[in-house]
Amino acid sequence: MSQESLPSDGGPEHPDALPEYAERVLEVTELIPPGRVMTYGDVAEWLGEGGPRQVGRVMALYGGAVPWWRVVRADGVLLPGHELRALGHYRVEGTPLKEAGRAAEGHVPRLDMRRARWDGGGYTEGHT
């Protein structure tokens, strides 16, 4: 996916500046409380712009400075290649997980999306 597929504010950008859409995605990520998650699609819906793929692209390119582990796949599967790092954050924050059963020994748990998903409740505009 190219940078051009990200929604744009239409203005010229400084080469070192974050695209406006990326800034907005990262701001939403920082609002998610510890122990809770939003899906890529939830973030796009919150913003009213883009979609899960655009949010995922922003997180892949710029998400390292924010709590990236709180933006997840809708099926609760942990981010491939980052499962153990994410799992450490989830355990520290008390994020609800579905532990892997004995048959899945050695497999990483999934997020319990029913309990972990945050809908933005309790957030008031202007308070970050």
N, C-alpha and C. Protein backbone atom coordinates (compact mmCIF):
# COMPACT_ATOMS: atom_id res chain seq x y z
N MET A 1 0.85 -1.17 0.00
CA MET A 1 0.00 0.00 0.00
C MET A 1 0.89 1.23 0.00
N SER A 2 0.58 2.20 -0.79
CA SER A 2 1.41 3.38 -0.91
C SER A 2 0.93 4.48 0.02
N GLN A 3 1.80 5.43 0.23
CA GLN A 3 1.47 6.60 1.06
C GLN A 3 0.28 7.34 0.48
N GLU A 4 0.15 7.31 -0.86
CA GLU A 4 -0.94 8.03 -1.51
C GLU A 4 -2.31 7.48 -1.13
N SER A 5 -2.38 6.25 -0.64
CA SER A 5 -3.67 5.68 -0.30
C SER A 5 -4.19 6.18 1.04
N LEU A 6 -3.32 6.88 1.80
CA LEU A 6 -3.77 7.46 3.06
C LEU A 6 -4.60 8.70 2.77
N PRO A 7 -5.66 8.92 3.55
CA PRO A 7 -6.41 10.17 3.37
C PRO A 7 -5.47 11.36 3.56
N SER A 8 -5.72 12.41 2.83
CA SER A 8 -4.83 13.56 2.86
C SER A 8 -5.59 14.81 3.24
N ASP A 9 -4.88 15.74 3.86
CA ASP A 9 -5.50 17.03 4.17
C ASP A 9 -5.38 17.97 2.97
N GLY A 10 -4.70 17.52 1.92
CA GLY A 10 -4.61 18.29 0.70
C GLY A 10 -3.50 19.32 0.68
N GLY A 11 -2.86 19.58 1.81
CA GLY A 11 -1.82 20.60 1.88
C GLY A 11 -0.44 20.02 1.65
N PRO A 12 0.53 20.89 1.35
CA PRO A 12 1.91 20.42 1.20
C PRO A 12 2.45 19.98 2.56
N GLU A 13 3.34 19.01 2.53
CA GLU A 13 3.88 18.49 3.78
C GLU A 13 5.38 18.71 3.84
N HIS A 14 5.87 19.02 5.01
CA HIS A 14 7.31 19.06 5.27
C HIS A 14 7.78 17.62 5.22
N PRO A 15 8.93 17.33 4.65
CA PRO A 15 9.38 15.94 4.51
C PRO A 15 9.46 15.18 5.83
N ASP A 16 9.73 15.86 6.94
CA ASP A 16 9.83 15.20 8.23
C ASP A 16 8.52 15.20 9.00
N ALA A 17 7.50 15.87 8.50
CA ALA A 17 6.23 15.99 9.20
C ALA A 17 5.40 14.72 9.02
N LEU A 18 4.66 14.38 10.06
CA LEU A 18 3.72 13.27 9.94
C LEU A 18 2.54 13.72 9.10
N PRO A 19 2.02 12.83 8.25
CA PRO A 19 0.79 13.18 7.56
C PRO A 19 -0.32 13.46 8.59
N GLU A 20 -1.20 14.37 8.28
CA GLU A 20 -2.26 14.76 9.20
C GLU A 20 -3.09 13.55 9.64
N TYR A 21 -3.41 12.66 8.71
CA TYR A 21 -4.18 11.47 9.07
C TYR A 21 -3.43 10.60 10.07
N ALA A 22 -2.14 10.44 9.88
CA ALA A 22 -1.33 9.65 10.81
C ALA A 22 -1.35 10.27 12.20
N GLU A 23 -1.23 11.58 12.28
CA GLU A 23 -1.30 12.25 13.58
C GLU A 23 -2.61 11.95 14.28
N ARG A 24 -3.70 11.99 13.52
CA ARG A 24 -5.02 11.73 14.11
C ARG A 24 -5.14 10.29 14.59
N VAL A 25 -4.63 9.34 13.82
CA VAL A 25 -4.66 7.93 14.23
C VAL A 25 -3.86 7.76 15.53
N LEU A 26 -2.69 8.35 15.61
CA LEU A 26 -1.85 8.23 16.79
C LEU A 26 -2.49 8.89 18.01
N GLU A 27 -3.19 9.99 17.80
CA GLU A 27 -3.90 10.65 18.89
C GLU A 27 -4.99 9.75 19.46
N VAL A 28 -5.75 9.09 18.59
CA VAL A 28 -6.79 8.16 19.06
C VAL A 28 -6.14 7.01 19.83
N THR A 29 -5.04 6.50 19.32
CA THR A 29 -4.35 5.40 19.99
C THR A 29 -3.98 5.78 21.42
N GLU A 30 -3.54 7.00 21.61
CA GLU A 30 -3.15 7.45 22.95
C GLU A 30 -4.33 7.63 23.89
N LEU A 31 -5.54 7.71 23.35
CA LEU A 31 -6.74 7.85 24.19
C LEU A 31 -7.21 6.51 24.76
N ILE A 32 -6.83 5.42 24.14
CA ILE A 32 -7.31 4.09 24.57
C ILE A 32 -6.74 3.79 25.95
N PRO A 33 -7.61 3.53 26.92
CA PRO A 33 -7.12 3.29 28.29
C PRO A 33 -6.31 2.00 28.40
N PRO A 34 -5.37 1.96 29.35
CA PRO A 34 -4.65 0.70 29.61
C PRO A 34 -5.65 -0.42 29.89
N GLY A 35 -5.36 -1.60 29.35
CA GLY A 35 -6.23 -2.75 29.55
C GLY A 35 -7.38 -2.84 28.57
N ARG A 36 -7.46 -1.90 27.64
CA ARG A 36 -8.52 -1.90 26.64
C ARG A 36 -7.90 -1.82 25.25
N VAL A 37 -8.68 -2.16 24.23
CA VAL A 37 -8.20 -2.14 22.85
C VAL A 37 -9.28 -1.59 21.92
N MET A 38 -8.85 -1.14 20.75
CA MET A 38 -9.74 -0.80 19.65
C MET A 38 -9.20 -1.53 18.42
N THR A 39 -10.09 -1.91 17.53
CA THR A 39 -9.65 -2.53 16.29
C THR A 39 -9.21 -1.43 15.30
N TYR A 40 -8.50 -1.86 14.27
CA TYR A 40 -8.12 -0.92 13.21
C TYR A 40 -9.37 -0.24 12.65
N GLY A 41 -10.41 -1.02 12.45
CA GLY A 41 -11.67 -0.47 11.93
C GLY A 41 -12.33 0.48 12.90
N ASP A 42 -12.25 0.17 14.21
CA ASP A 42 -12.81 1.08 15.22
C ASP A 42 -12.15 2.45 15.15
N VAL A 43 -10.83 2.46 14.99
CA VAL A 43 -10.10 3.73 14.93
C VAL A 43 -10.54 4.52 13.69
N ALA A 44 -10.64 3.84 12.55
CA ALA A 44 -11.08 4.52 11.32
C ALA A 44 -12.50 5.06 11.49
N GLU A 45 -13.37 4.27 12.12
CA GLU A 45 -14.75 4.72 12.34
C GLU A 45 -14.77 5.93 13.28
N TRP A 46 -13.97 5.89 14.33
CA TRP A 46 -13.87 7.00 15.28
C TRP A 46 -13.50 8.29 14.54
N LEU A 47 -12.53 8.16 13.62
CA LEU A 47 -12.05 9.32 12.86
C LEU A 47 -13.02 9.73 11.76
N GLY A 48 -13.86 8.80 11.32
CA GLY A 48 -14.77 9.09 10.21
C GLY A 48 -14.04 9.20 8.89
N GLU A 49 -12.89 8.52 8.80
CA GLU A 49 -12.07 8.61 7.60
C GLU A 49 -11.17 7.40 7.50
N GLY A 50 -10.88 6.97 6.28
CA GLY A 50 -9.99 5.83 6.08
C GLY A 50 -10.70 4.53 6.43
N GLY A 51 -9.90 3.50 6.57
CA GLY A 51 -10.42 2.18 6.90
C GLY A 51 -9.36 1.40 7.65
N PRO A 52 -9.64 0.13 7.96
CA PRO A 52 -8.68 -0.67 8.72
C PRO A 52 -7.29 -0.73 8.10
N ARG A 53 -7.22 -0.85 6.78
CA ARG A 53 -5.90 -0.94 6.14
C ARG A 53 -5.10 0.35 6.28
N GLN A 54 -5.77 1.49 6.16
CA GLN A 54 -5.07 2.77 6.30
C GLN A 54 -4.57 2.94 7.74
N VAL A 55 -5.41 2.56 8.72
CA VAL A 55 -4.98 2.65 10.12
C VAL A 55 -3.81 1.70 10.37
N GLY A 56 -3.89 0.49 9.83
CA GLY A 56 -2.79 -0.46 9.98
C GLY A 56 -1.50 0.06 9.38
N ARG A 57 -1.60 0.71 8.25
CA ARG A 57 -0.42 1.28 7.60
C ARG A 57 0.21 2.37 8.47
N VAL A 58 -0.63 3.23 9.03
CA VAL A 58 -0.13 4.28 9.93
C VAL A 58 0.57 3.64 11.13
N MET A 59 -0.06 2.62 11.71
CA MET A 59 0.54 1.99 12.89
C MET A 59 1.87 1.32 12.53
N ALA A 60 1.95 0.72 11.35
CA ALA A 60 3.19 0.06 10.93
C ALA A 60 4.31 1.08 10.72
N LEU A 61 3.98 2.23 10.18
CA LEU A 61 4.99 3.23 9.87
C LEU A 61 5.35 4.13 11.05
N TYR A 62 4.35 4.48 11.88
CA TYR A 62 4.56 5.52 12.88
C TYR A 62 4.17 5.11 14.31
N GLY A 63 3.66 3.91 14.51
CA GLY A 63 3.06 3.53 15.79
C GLY A 63 4.01 3.23 16.92
N GLY A 64 5.31 3.20 16.69
CA GLY A 64 6.25 2.82 17.73
C GLY A 64 6.30 3.73 18.94
N ALA A 65 5.87 4.98 18.80
CA ALA A 65 5.95 5.94 19.90
C ALA A 65 4.67 6.00 20.73
N VAL A 66 3.66 5.23 20.35
CA VAL A 66 2.38 5.21 21.07
C VAL A 66 2.09 3.79 21.53
N PRO A 67 1.08 3.57 22.37
CA PRO A 67 0.76 2.21 22.82
C PRO A 67 0.14 1.38 21.68
N TRP A 68 0.97 0.99 20.73
CA TRP A 68 0.55 0.28 19.51
C TRP A 68 -0.21 -1.00 19.81
N TRP A 69 0.07 -1.64 20.92
CA TRP A 69 -0.56 -2.91 21.26
C TRP A 69 -2.05 -2.75 21.57
N ARG A 70 -2.51 -1.53 21.71
CA ARG A 70 -3.93 -1.29 21.99
C ARG A 70 -4.77 -1.15 20.72
N VAL A 71 -4.15 -1.18 19.55
CA VAL A 71 -4.87 -1.18 18.27
C VAL A 71 -4.63 -2.55 17.65
N VAL A 72 -5.73 -3.30 17.45
CA VAL A 72 -5.60 -4.73 17.19
C VAL A 72 -6.51 -5.20 16.06
N ARG A 73 -6.29 -6.45 15.68
CA ARG A 73 -7.16 -7.10 14.70
C ARG A 73 -8.51 -7.41 15.36
N ALA A 74 -9.56 -7.41 14.56
CA ALA A 74 -10.91 -7.64 15.09
C ALA A 74 -11.10 -9.05 15.65
N ASP A 75 -10.28 -10.00 15.19
CA ASP A 75 -10.43 -11.38 15.67
C ASP A 75 -9.67 -11.64 16.97
N GLY A 76 -8.95 -10.65 17.48
CA GLY A 76 -8.24 -10.80 18.74
C GLY A 76 -6.89 -11.48 18.64
N VAL A 77 -6.48 -11.86 17.42
CA VAL A 77 -5.16 -12.49 17.23
C VAL A 77 -4.09 -11.41 17.41
N LEU A 78 -3.05 -11.74 18.16
CA LEU A 78 -1.99 -10.78 18.43
C LEU A 78 -1.17 -10.53 17.17
N LEU A 79 -0.60 -9.34 17.09
CA LEU A 79 0.14 -8.90 15.91
C LEU A 79 1.28 -9.86 15.59
N PRO A 80 1.24 -10.52 14.43
CA PRO A 80 2.28 -11.47 14.06
C PRO A 80 3.67 -10.83 14.11
N GLY A 81 4.59 -11.54 14.75
CA GLY A 81 5.95 -11.05 14.89
C GLY A 81 6.17 -10.20 16.13
N HIS A 82 5.08 -9.78 16.76
CA HIS A 82 5.17 -8.94 17.95
C HIS A 82 4.35 -9.51 19.10
N GLU A 83 3.97 -10.80 18.99
CA GLU A 83 3.08 -11.41 19.97
C GLU A 83 3.61 -11.32 21.40
N LEU A 84 4.88 -11.67 21.59
CA LEU A 84 5.41 -11.72 22.95
C LEU A 84 5.54 -10.32 23.57
N ARG A 85 5.96 -9.36 22.76
CA ARG A 85 6.03 -7.97 23.27
C ARG A 85 4.64 -7.48 23.63
N ALA A 86 3.67 -7.72 22.75
CA ALA A 86 2.30 -7.28 23.02
C ALA A 86 1.75 -7.99 24.25
N LEU A 87 1.98 -9.29 24.34
CA LEU A 87 1.48 -10.08 25.46
C LEU A 87 2.01 -9.54 26.79
N GLY A 88 3.26 -9.14 26.82
CA GLY A 88 3.82 -8.54 28.03
C GLY A 88 3.06 -7.28 28.43
N HIS A 89 2.75 -6.43 27.46
CA HIS A 89 1.98 -5.21 27.74
C HIS A 89 0.57 -5.57 28.24
N TYR A 90 -0.07 -6.55 27.59
CA TYR A 90 -1.43 -6.93 27.98
C TYR A 90 -1.46 -7.45 29.41
N ARG A 91 -0.48 -8.23 29.77
CA ARG A 91 -0.44 -8.79 31.12
C ARG A 91 -0.20 -7.71 32.17
N VAL A 92 0.69 -6.77 31.88
CA VAL A 92 0.96 -5.67 32.80
C VAL A 92 -0.30 -4.81 32.97
N GLU A 93 -1.01 -4.55 31.88
CA GLU A 93 -2.18 -3.67 31.91
C GLU A 93 -3.46 -4.39 32.33
N GLY A 94 -3.43 -5.72 32.42
CA GLY A 94 -4.64 -6.46 32.79
C GLY A 94 -5.66 -6.55 31.68
N THR A 95 -5.21 -6.54 30.44
CA THR A 95 -6.10 -6.66 29.30
C THR A 95 -6.70 -8.07 29.27
N PRO A 96 -8.03 -8.18 29.14
CA PRO A 96 -8.64 -9.52 29.12
C PRO A 96 -8.15 -10.37 27.95
N LEU A 97 -7.72 -11.59 28.27
CA LEU A 97 -7.20 -12.53 27.28
C LEU A 97 -7.99 -13.82 27.35
N LYS A 98 -7.98 -14.55 26.25
CA LYS A 98 -8.49 -15.93 26.20
C LYS A 98 -7.25 -16.80 26.14
N GLU A 99 -6.92 -17.43 27.24
CA GLU A 99 -5.71 -18.24 27.30
C GLU A 99 -5.82 -19.43 26.36
N ALA A 100 -4.68 -19.80 25.77
CA ALA A 100 -4.62 -20.97 24.89
C ALA A 100 -4.81 -22.22 25.75
N GLY A 101 -5.57 -23.17 25.26
CA GLY A 101 -5.80 -24.41 25.99
C GLY A 101 -4.63 -25.36 25.89
N ARG A 102 -4.74 -26.51 26.56
CA ARG A 102 -3.64 -27.50 26.55
C ARG A 102 -3.32 -27.96 25.13
N ALA A 103 -4.35 -28.13 24.32
CA ALA A 103 -4.13 -28.58 22.94
C ALA A 103 -3.31 -27.57 22.15
N ALA A 104 -3.35 -26.34 22.60
CA ALA A 104 -2.63 -25.28 21.89
C ALA A 104 -1.38 -24.88 22.65
N GLU A 105 -0.80 -25.82 23.38
CA GLU A 105 0.39 -25.51 24.17
C GLU A 105 1.46 -24.87 23.29
N GLY A 106 2.05 -23.83 23.81
CA GLY A 106 3.05 -23.10 23.05
C GLY A 106 2.45 -22.00 22.19
N HIS A 107 1.14 -21.97 22.09
CA HIS A 107 0.49 -20.92 21.31
C HIS A 107 0.16 -19.74 22.22
N VAL A 108 0.14 -18.59 21.64
CA VAL A 108 -0.12 -17.37 22.38
C VAL A 108 -1.64 -17.19 22.53
N PRO A 109 -2.08 -16.66 23.65
CA PRO A 109 -3.52 -16.42 23.79
C PRO A 109 -4.00 -15.34 22.82
N ARG A 110 -5.31 -15.24 22.70
CA ARG A 110 -5.94 -14.17 21.93
C ARG A 110 -6.50 -13.17 22.92
N LEU A 111 -6.80 -12.00 22.41
CA LEU A 111 -7.51 -11.01 23.21
C LEU A 111 -8.96 -11.45 23.36
N ASP A 112 -9.53 -11.21 24.51
CA ASP A 112 -10.96 -11.44 24.71
C ASP A 112 -11.66 -10.16 24.25
N MET A 113 -12.00 -10.10 22.97
CA MET A 113 -12.51 -8.87 22.37
C MET A 113 -13.81 -8.41 23.01
N ARG A 114 -14.64 -9.31 23.45
CA ARG A 114 -15.91 -8.93 24.07
C ARG A 114 -15.65 -8.08 25.31
N ARG A 115 -14.64 -8.43 26.07
CA ARG A 115 -14.34 -7.73 27.32
C ARG A 115 -13.30 -6.62 27.16
N ALA A 116 -12.39 -6.76 26.20
CA ALA A 116 -11.28 -5.81 26.07
C ALA A 116 -11.60 -4.61 25.18
N ARG A 117 -12.56 -4.74 24.29
CA ARG A 117 -12.81 -3.70 23.30
C ARG A 117 -13.36 -2.43 23.95
N TRP A 118 -12.76 -1.31 23.56
CA TRP A 118 -13.16 0.00 24.09
C TRP A 118 -13.93 0.75 23.02
N ASP A 119 -15.06 1.31 23.40
CA ASP A 119 -15.91 2.02 22.43
C ASP A 119 -15.74 3.54 22.51
N GLY A 120 -14.77 3.99 23.28
CA GLY A 120 -14.56 5.43 23.41
C GLY A 120 -15.36 6.03 24.55
N GLY A 121 -16.11 5.21 25.26
CA GLY A 121 -16.90 5.70 26.38
C GLY A 121 -16.05 6.35 27.44
N GLY A 122 -16.55 7.43 28.00
CA GLY A 122 -15.81 8.13 29.04
C GLY A 122 -14.88 9.19 28.49
N TYR A 123 -14.71 9.21 27.18
CA TYR A 123 -13.86 10.24 26.56
C TYR A 123 -14.70 11.48 26.33
N THR A 124 -14.17 12.64 26.70
CA THR A 124 -14.85 13.90 26.42
C THR A 124 -13.97 14.72 25.53
N GLU A 125 -14.57 15.32 24.53
CA GLU A 125 -13.85 16.12 23.53
C GLU A 125 -12.99 17.17 24.21
N GLY A 126 -11.76 17.29 23.76
CA GLY A 126 -10.87 18.30 24.28
C GLY A 126 -10.02 17.85 25.46
N HIS A 127 -10.28 16.63 25.97
CA HIS A 127 -9.48 16.10 27.07
C HIS A 127 -8.71 14.91 26.58
N THR A 128 -7.41 15.08 26.39
CA THR A 128 -6.59 13.97 25.92
C THR A 128 -5.73 13.41 27.00
